[in-house]
Amino acid sequence: ATVLASLGSKPDISFAVDDCGFATTVAKQP
């Protein structure tokens, strides 16, 4: 969930892996 939430800041990274993050973190929108 921390990784997914951080992507909103568009960090300069090459990849992101979310292993079983909380569904409701981003479930309300694509």
PDB file of all heavy atoms in Angstrom:
ATOM      1  N   ALA A   1       0.833  -1.203   0.000  1.00  0.00           N
ATOM      2  CA  ALA A   1       0.000   0.000   0.000  1.00  0.00           C
ATOM      3  C   ALA A   1       0.869   1.254   0.000  1.00  0.00           C
ATOM      4  O   ALA A   1       0.553   2.250  -0.658  1.00  0.00           O
ATOM      5  CB  ALA A   1      -0.914  -0.006   1.226  1.00  0.00           C
ATOM      6  N   THR A   2       1.985   1.190   0.726  1.00  0.00           N
ATOM      7  CA  THR A   2       2.923   2.317   0.773  1.00  0.00           C
ATOM      8  C   THR A   2       3.497   2.591  -0.604  1.00  0.00           C
ATOM      9  O   THR A   2       3.584   3.749  -1.046  1.00  0.00           O
ATOM     10  CB  THR A   2       4.066   2.013   1.764  1.00  0.00           C
ATOM     11  OG1 THR A   2       3.516   1.814   3.075  1.00  0.00           O
ATOM     12  CG2 THR A   2       5.078   3.140   1.802  1.00  0.00           C
ATOM     13  N   VAL A   3       3.890   1.533  -1.305  1.00  0.00           N
ATOM     14  CA  VAL A   3       4.434   1.680  -2.657  1.00  0.00           C
ATOM     15  C   VAL A   3       3.392   2.295  -3.584  1.00  0.00           C
ATOM     16  O   VAL A   3       3.677   3.259  -4.312  1.00  0.00           O
ATOM     17  CB  VAL A   3       4.902   0.314  -3.201  1.00  0.00           C
ATOM     18  CG1 VAL A   3       5.163   0.392  -4.706  1.00  0.00           C
ATOM     19  CG2 VAL A   3       6.162  -0.145  -2.481  1.00  0.00           C
ATOM     20  N   LEU A   4       2.169   1.766  -3.571  1.00  0.00           N
ATOM     21  CA  LEU A   4       1.126   2.286  -4.457  1.00  0.00           C
ATOM     22  C   LEU A   4       0.812   3.744  -4.152  1.00  0.00           C
ATOM     23  O   LEU A   4       0.660   4.560  -5.063  1.00  0.00           O
ATOM     24  CB  LEU A   4      -0.139   1.444  -4.323  1.00  0.00           C
ATOM     25  CG  LEU A   4      -0.088   0.027  -4.904  1.00  0.00           C
ATOM     26  CD1 LEU A   4      -1.423  -0.675  -4.690  1.00  0.00           C
ATOM     27  CD2 LEU A   4       0.263   0.047  -6.388  1.00  0.00           C
ATOM     28  N   ALA A   5       0.716   4.078  -2.859  1.00  0.00           N
ATOM     29  CA  ALA A   5       0.407   5.457  -2.490  1.00  0.00           C
ATOM     30  C   ALA A   5       1.512   6.409  -2.947  1.00  0.00           C
ATOM     31  O   ALA A   5       1.238   7.531  -3.370  1.00  0.00           O
ATOM     32  CB  ALA A   5       0.209   5.565  -0.981  1.00  0.00           C
ATOM     33  N   SER A   6       2.762   5.939  -2.893  1.00  0.00           N
ATOM     34  CA  SER A   6       3.887   6.800  -3.281  1.00  0.00           C
ATOM     35  C   SER A   6       3.898   7.095  -4.776  1.00  0.00           C
ATOM     36  O   SER A   6       4.446   8.113  -5.208  1.00  0.00           O
ATOM     37  CB  SER A   6       5.215   6.144  -2.883  1.00  0.00           C
ATOM     38  OG  SER A   6       5.539   5.058  -3.738  1.00  0.00           O
ATOM     39  N   LEU A   7       3.284   6.221  -5.575  1.00  0.00           N
ATOM     40  CA  LEU A   7       3.309   6.419  -7.025  1.00  0.00           C
ATOM     41  C   LEU A   7       2.555   7.677  -7.446  1.00  0.00           C
ATOM     42  O   LEU A   7       2.797   8.211  -8.525  1.00  0.00           O
ATOM     43  CB  LEU A   7       2.724   5.189  -7.739  1.00  0.00           C
ATOM     44  CG  LEU A   7       3.491   3.874  -7.570  1.00  0.00           C
ATOM     45  CD1 LEU A   7       2.830   2.764  -8.368  1.00  0.00           C
ATOM     46  CD2 LEU A   7       4.952   4.028  -7.976  1.00  0.00           C
ATOM     47  N   GLY A   8       1.648   8.133  -6.590  1.00  0.00           N
ATOM     48  CA  GLY A   8       0.945   9.373  -6.901  1.00  0.00           C
ATOM     49  C   GLY A   8       1.875  10.571  -6.989  1.00  0.00           C
ATOM     50  O   GLY A   8       1.539  11.573  -7.615  1.00  0.00           O
ATOM     51  N   SER A   9       3.053  10.458  -6.368  1.00  0.00           N
ATOM     52  CA  SER A   9       4.053  11.537  -6.434  1.00  0.00           C
ATOM     53  C   SER A   9       4.980  11.379  -7.632  1.00  0.00           C
ATOM     54  O   SER A   9       5.906  12.183  -7.809  1.00  0.00           O
ATOM     55  CB  SER A   9       4.892  11.542  -5.144  1.00  0.00           C
ATOM     56  OG  SER A   9       4.077  11.800  -4.023  1.00  0.00           O
ATOM     57  N   LYS A  10       4.729  10.360  -8.450  1.00  0.00           N
ATOM     58  CA  LYS A  10       5.517  10.090  -9.657  1.00  0.00           C
ATOM     59  C   LYS A  10       7.020  10.045  -9.366  1.00  0.00           C
ATOM     60  O   LYS A  10       7.813  10.814  -9.943  1.00  0.00           O
ATOM     61  CB  LYS A  10       5.215  11.126 -10.740  1.00  0.00           C
ATOM     62  CG  LYS A  10       3.752  11.134 -11.172  1.00  0.00           C
ATOM     63  CD  LYS A  10       3.481  12.118 -12.291  1.00  0.00           C
ATOM     64  CE  LYS A  10       2.009  12.096 -12.682  1.00  0.00           C
ATOM     65  NZ  LYS A  10       1.701  13.053 -13.768  1.00  0.00           N
ATOM     66  N   PRO A  11       7.427   9.151  -8.471  1.00  0.00           N
ATOM     67  CA  PRO A  11       8.857   9.059  -8.143  1.00  0.00           C
ATOM     68  C   PRO A  11       9.669   8.559  -9.333  1.00  0.00           C
ATOM     69  O   PRO A  11       9.145   7.845 -10.202  1.00  0.00           O
ATOM     70  CB  PRO A  11       8.883   8.051  -6.996  1.00  0.00           C
ATOM     71  CG  PRO A  11       7.675   7.190  -7.233  1.00  0.00           C
ATOM     72  CD  PRO A  11       6.634   8.131  -7.769  1.00  0.00           C
ATOM     73  N   ASP A  12      10.923   8.929  -9.366  1.00  0.00           N
ATOM     74  CA  ASP A  12      11.823   8.512 -10.439  1.00  0.00           C
ATOM     75  C   ASP A  12      12.341   7.111 -10.136  1.00  0.00           C
ATOM     76  O   ASP A  12      13.417   6.931  -9.573  1.00  0.00           O
ATOM     77  CB  ASP A  12      12.989   9.503 -10.551  1.00  0.00           C
ATOM     78  CG  ASP A  12      13.954   9.133 -11.676  1.00  0.00           C
ATOM     79  OD1 ASP A  12      13.581   8.296 -12.529  1.00  0.00           O
ATOM     80  OD2 ASP A  12      15.078   9.667 -11.682  1.00  0.00           O
ATOM     81  N   ILE A  13      11.534   6.100 -10.498  1.00  0.00           N
ATOM     82  CA  ILE A  13      11.908   4.711 -10.262  1.00  0.00           C
ATOM     83  C   ILE A  13      11.721   3.911 -11.547  1.00  0.00           C
ATOM     84  O   ILE A  13      11.002   4.333 -12.450  1.00  0.00           O
ATOM     85  CB  ILE A  13      11.089   4.074  -9.124  1.00  0.00           C
ATOM     86  CG1 ILE A  13       9.592   4.162  -9.422  1.00  0.00           C
ATOM     87  CG2 ILE A  13      11.415   4.746  -7.791  1.00  0.00           C
ATOM     88  CD1 ILE A  13       8.726   3.432  -8.403  1.00  0.00           C
ATOM     89  N   SER A  14      12.382   2.754 -11.593  1.00  0.00           N
ATOM     90  CA  SER A  14      12.317   1.915 -12.786  1.00  0.00           C
ATOM     91  C   SER A  14      11.186   0.898 -12.733  1.00  0.00           C
ATOM     92  O   SER A  14      10.707   0.443 -13.771  1.00  0.00           O
ATOM     93  CB  SER A  14      13.652   1.178 -12.972  1.00  0.00           C
ATOM     94  OG  SER A  14      14.713   2.087 -13.157  1.00  0.00           O
ATOM     95  N   PHE A  15      10.772   0.501 -11.535  1.00  0.00           N
ATOM     96  CA  PHE A  15       9.682  -0.458 -11.403  1.00  0.00           C
ATOM     97  C   PHE A  15       9.113  -0.383  -9.991  1.00  0.00           C
ATOM     98  O   PHE A  15       9.724   0.175  -9.072  1.00  0.00           O
ATOM     99  CB  PHE A  15      10.152  -1.890 -11.695  1.00  0.00           C
ATOM    100  CG  PHE A  15      11.109  -2.450 -10.667  1.00  0.00           C
ATOM    101  CD1 PHE A  15      10.654  -3.179  -9.569  1.00  0.00           C
ATOM    102  CD2 PHE A  15      12.482  -2.260 -10.800  1.00  0.00           C
ATOM    103  CE1 PHE A  15      11.531  -3.692  -8.636  1.00  0.00           C
ATOM    104  CE2 PHE A  15      13.373  -2.786  -9.872  1.00  0.00           C
ATOM    105  CZ  PHE A  15      12.895  -3.495  -8.776  1.00  0.00           C
ATOM    106  N   ALA A  16       7.913  -0.938  -9.828  1.00  0.00           N
ATOM    107  CA  ALA A  16       7.274  -1.017  -8.518  1.00  0.00           C
ATOM    108  C   ALA A  16       6.568  -2.355  -8.407  1.00  0.00           C
ATOM    109  O   ALA A  16       5.857  -2.772  -9.329  1.00  0.00           O
ATOM    110  CB  ALA A  16       6.286   0.123  -8.323  1.00  0.00           C
ATOM    111  N   VAL A  17       6.757  -3.033  -7.296  1.00  0.00           N
ATOM    112  CA  VAL A  17       6.111  -4.314  -7.030  1.00  0.00           C
ATOM    113  C   VAL A  17       5.234  -4.167  -5.799  1.00  0.00           C
ATOM    114  O   VAL A  17       5.709  -3.782  -4.730  1.00  0.00           O
ATOM    115  CB  VAL A  17       7.153  -5.437  -6.793  1.00  0.00           C
ATOM    116  CG1 VAL A  17       6.444  -6.743  -6.430  1.00  0.00           C
ATOM    117  CG2 VAL A  17       8.025  -5.633  -8.027  1.00  0.00           C
ATOM    118  N   ASP A  18       3.938  -4.474  -5.962  1.00  0.00           N
ATOM    119  CA  ASP A  18       2.997  -4.469  -4.845  1.00  0.00           C
ATOM    120  C   ASP A  18       2.595  -5.916  -4.575  1.00  0.00           C
ATOM    121  O   ASP A  18       1.914  -6.529  -5.389  1.00  0.00           O
ATOM    122  CB  ASP A  18       1.776  -3.622  -5.180  1.00  0.00           C
ATOM    123  CG  ASP A  18       0.603  -3.906  -4.251  1.00  0.00           C
ATOM    124  OD1 ASP A  18       0.827  -4.213  -3.059  1.00  0.00           O
ATOM    125  OD2 ASP A  18      -0.546  -3.854  -4.734  1.00  0.00           O
ATOM    126  N   ASP A  19       3.012  -6.456  -3.438  1.00  0.00           N
ATOM    127  CA  ASP A  19       2.646  -7.816  -3.050  1.00  0.00           C
ATOM    128  C   ASP A  19       1.549  -7.718  -1.992  1.00  0.00           C
ATOM    129  O   ASP A  19       1.807  -7.366  -0.854  1.00  0.00           O
ATOM    130  CB  ASP A  19       3.880  -8.542  -2.491  1.00  0.00           C
ATOM    131  CG  ASP A  19       3.587  -9.987  -2.094  1.00  0.00           C
ATOM    132  OD1 ASP A  19       2.395 -10.369  -2.090  1.00  0.00           O
ATOM    133  OD2 ASP A  19       4.526 -10.721  -1.791  1.00  0.00           O
ATOM    134  N   CYS A  20       0.325  -8.002  -2.383  1.00  0.00           N
ATOM    135  CA  CYS A  20      -0.874  -8.043  -1.522  1.00  0.00           C
ATOM    136  C   CYS A  20      -1.081  -6.753  -0.726  1.00  0.00           C
ATOM    137  O   CYS A  20      -1.378  -6.787   0.473  1.00  0.00           O
ATOM    138  CB  CYS A  20      -0.878  -9.259  -0.603  1.00  0.00           C
ATOM    139  SG  CYS A  20       0.493  -9.427   0.563  1.00  0.00           S
ATOM    140  N   GLY A  21      -0.916  -5.614  -1.388  1.00  0.00           N
ATOM    141  CA  GLY A  21      -1.253  -4.342  -0.753  1.00  0.00           C
ATOM    142  C   GLY A  21      -2.759  -4.241  -0.539  1.00  0.00           C
ATOM    143  O   GLY A  21      -3.543  -4.999  -1.132  1.00  0.00           O
ATOM    144  N   PHE A  22      -3.197  -3.316   0.290  1.00  0.00           N
ATOM    145  CA  PHE A  22      -4.612  -3.198   0.619  1.00  0.00           C
ATOM    146  C   PHE A  22      -5.431  -2.842  -0.613  1.00  0.00           C
ATOM    147  O   PHE A  22      -5.136  -1.882  -1.310  1.00  0.00           O
ATOM    148  CB  PHE A  22      -4.818  -2.133   1.703  1.00  0.00           C
ATOM    149  CG  PHE A  22      -3.905  -2.299   2.881  1.00  0.00           C
ATOM    150  CD1 PHE A  22      -3.283  -1.206   3.452  1.00  0.00           C
ATOM    151  CD2 PHE A  22      -3.650  -3.553   3.413  1.00  0.00           C
ATOM    152  CE1 PHE A  22      -2.439  -1.348   4.540  1.00  0.00           C
ATOM    153  CE2 PHE A  22      -2.805  -3.715   4.492  1.00  0.00           C
ATOM    154  CZ  PHE A  22      -2.197  -2.605   5.059  1.00  0.00           C
ATOM    155  N   ALA A  23      -6.503  -3.590  -0.842  1.00  0.00           N
ATOM    156  CA  ALA A  23      -7.313  -3.394  -2.043  1.00  0.00           C
ATOM    157  C   ALA A  23      -7.949  -2.008  -2.088  1.00  0.00           C
ATOM    158  O   ALA A  23      -8.043  -1.396  -3.146  1.00  0.00           O
ATOM    159  CB  ALA A  23      -8.408  -4.466  -2.124  1.00  0.00           C
ATOM    160  N   THR A  24      -8.378  -1.489  -0.955  1.00  0.00           N
ATOM    161  CA  THR A  24      -9.097  -0.217  -0.957  1.00  0.00           C
ATOM    162  C   THR A  24      -8.195   0.982  -1.183  1.00  0.00           C
ATOM    163  O   THR A  24      -8.665   2.097  -1.314  1.00  0.00           O
ATOM    164  CB  THR A  24      -9.848  -0.015   0.371  1.00  0.00           C
ATOM    165  OG1 THR A  24      -8.919  -0.153   1.455  1.00  0.00           O
ATOM    166  CG2 THR A  24     -10.954  -1.034   0.519  1.00  0.00           C
ATOM    167  N   THR A  25      -6.883   0.759  -1.237  1.00  0.00           N
ATOM    168  CA  THR A  25      -5.983   1.879  -1.477  1.00  0.00           C
ATOM    169  C   THR A  25      -6.249   2.521  -2.833  1.00  0.00           C
ATOM    170  O   THR A  25      -6.242   3.732  -2.971  1.00  0.00           O
ATOM    171  CB  THR A  25      -4.516   1.416  -1.417  1.00  0.00           C
ATOM    172  OG1 THR A  25      -4.275   0.861  -0.130  1.00  0.00           O
ATOM    173  CG2 THR A  25      -3.564   2.574  -1.640  1.00  0.00           C
ATOM    174  N   VAL A  26      -6.517   1.694  -3.839  1.00  0.00           N
ATOM    175  CA  VAL A  26      -6.709   2.234  -5.188  1.00  0.00           C
ATOM    176  C   VAL A  26      -7.957   1.665  -5.854  1.00  0.00           C
ATOM    177  O   VAL A  26      -8.175   1.870  -7.035  1.00  0.00           O
ATOM    178  CB  VAL A  26      -5.481   1.917  -6.078  1.00  0.00           C
ATOM    179  CG1 VAL A  26      -4.269   2.658  -5.588  1.00  0.00           C
ATOM    180  CG2 VAL A  26      -5.210   0.416  -6.141  1.00  0.00           C
ATOM    181  N   ALA A  27      -8.791   0.959  -5.117  1.00  0.00           N
ATOM    182  CA  ALA A  27      -9.915   0.261  -5.723  1.00  0.00           C
ATOM    183  C   ALA A  27     -10.965   1.201  -6.306  1.00  0.00           C
ATOM    184  O   ALA A  27     -11.719   0.829  -7.193  1.00  0.00           O
ATOM    185  CB  ALA A  27     -10.574  -0.656  -4.696  1.00  0.00           C
ATOM    186  N   LYS A  28     -11.016   2.449  -5.826  1.00  0.00           N
ATOM    187  CA  LYS A  28     -12.072   3.362  -6.262  1.00  0.00           C
ATOM    188  C   LYS A  28     -11.803   3.975  -7.626  1.00  0.00           C
ATOM    189  O   LYS A  28     -12.653   4.650  -8.178  1.00  0.00           O
ATOM    190  CB  LYS A  28     -12.264   4.468  -5.216  1.00  0.00           C
ATOM    191  CG  LYS A  28     -12.801   3.935  -3.886  1.00  0.00           C
ATOM    192  CD  LYS A  28     -13.039   5.058  -2.900  1.00  0.00           C
ATOM    193  CE  LYS A  28     -13.590   4.522  -1.584  1.00  0.00           C
ATOM    194  NZ  LYS A  28     -13.823   5.607  -0.598  1.00  0.00           N
ATOM    195  N   GLN A  29     -10.618   3.771  -8.177  1.00  0.00           N
ATOM    196  CA  GLN A  29     -10.322   4.305  -9.495  1.00  0.00           C
ATOM    197  C   GLN A  29      -9.239   3.458 -10.147  1.00  0.00           C
ATOM    198  O   GLN A  29      -8.486   2.775  -9.463  1.00  0.00           O
ATOM    199  CB  GLN A  29      -9.870   5.759  -9.402  1.00  0.00           C
ATOM    200  CG  GLN A  29      -8.698   5.989  -8.458  1.00  0.00           C
ATOM    201  CD  GLN A  29      -8.398   7.464  -8.319  1.00  0.00           C
ATOM    202  OE1 GLN A  29      -8.487   8.228  -9.260  1.00  0.00           O
ATOM    203  NE2 GLN A  29      -8.026   7.882  -7.125  1.00  0.00           N
ATOM    204  N   PRO A  30      -9.177   3.464 -11.478  1.00  0.00           N
ATOM    205  CA  PRO A  30      -8.156   2.672 -12.159  1.00  0.00           C
ATOM    206  C   PRO A  30      -6.754   3.046 -11.707  1.00  0.00           C
ATOM    207  O   PRO A  30      -6.477   4.207 -11.398  1.00  0.00           O
ATOM    208  CB  PRO A  30      -8.374   3.023 -13.640  1.00  0.00           C
ATOM    209  CG  PRO A  30      -9.795   3.481 -13.711  1.00  0.00           C
ATOM    210  CD  PRO A  30     -10.053   4.175 -12.400  1.00  0.00           C
TER     211      PRO A  30
END
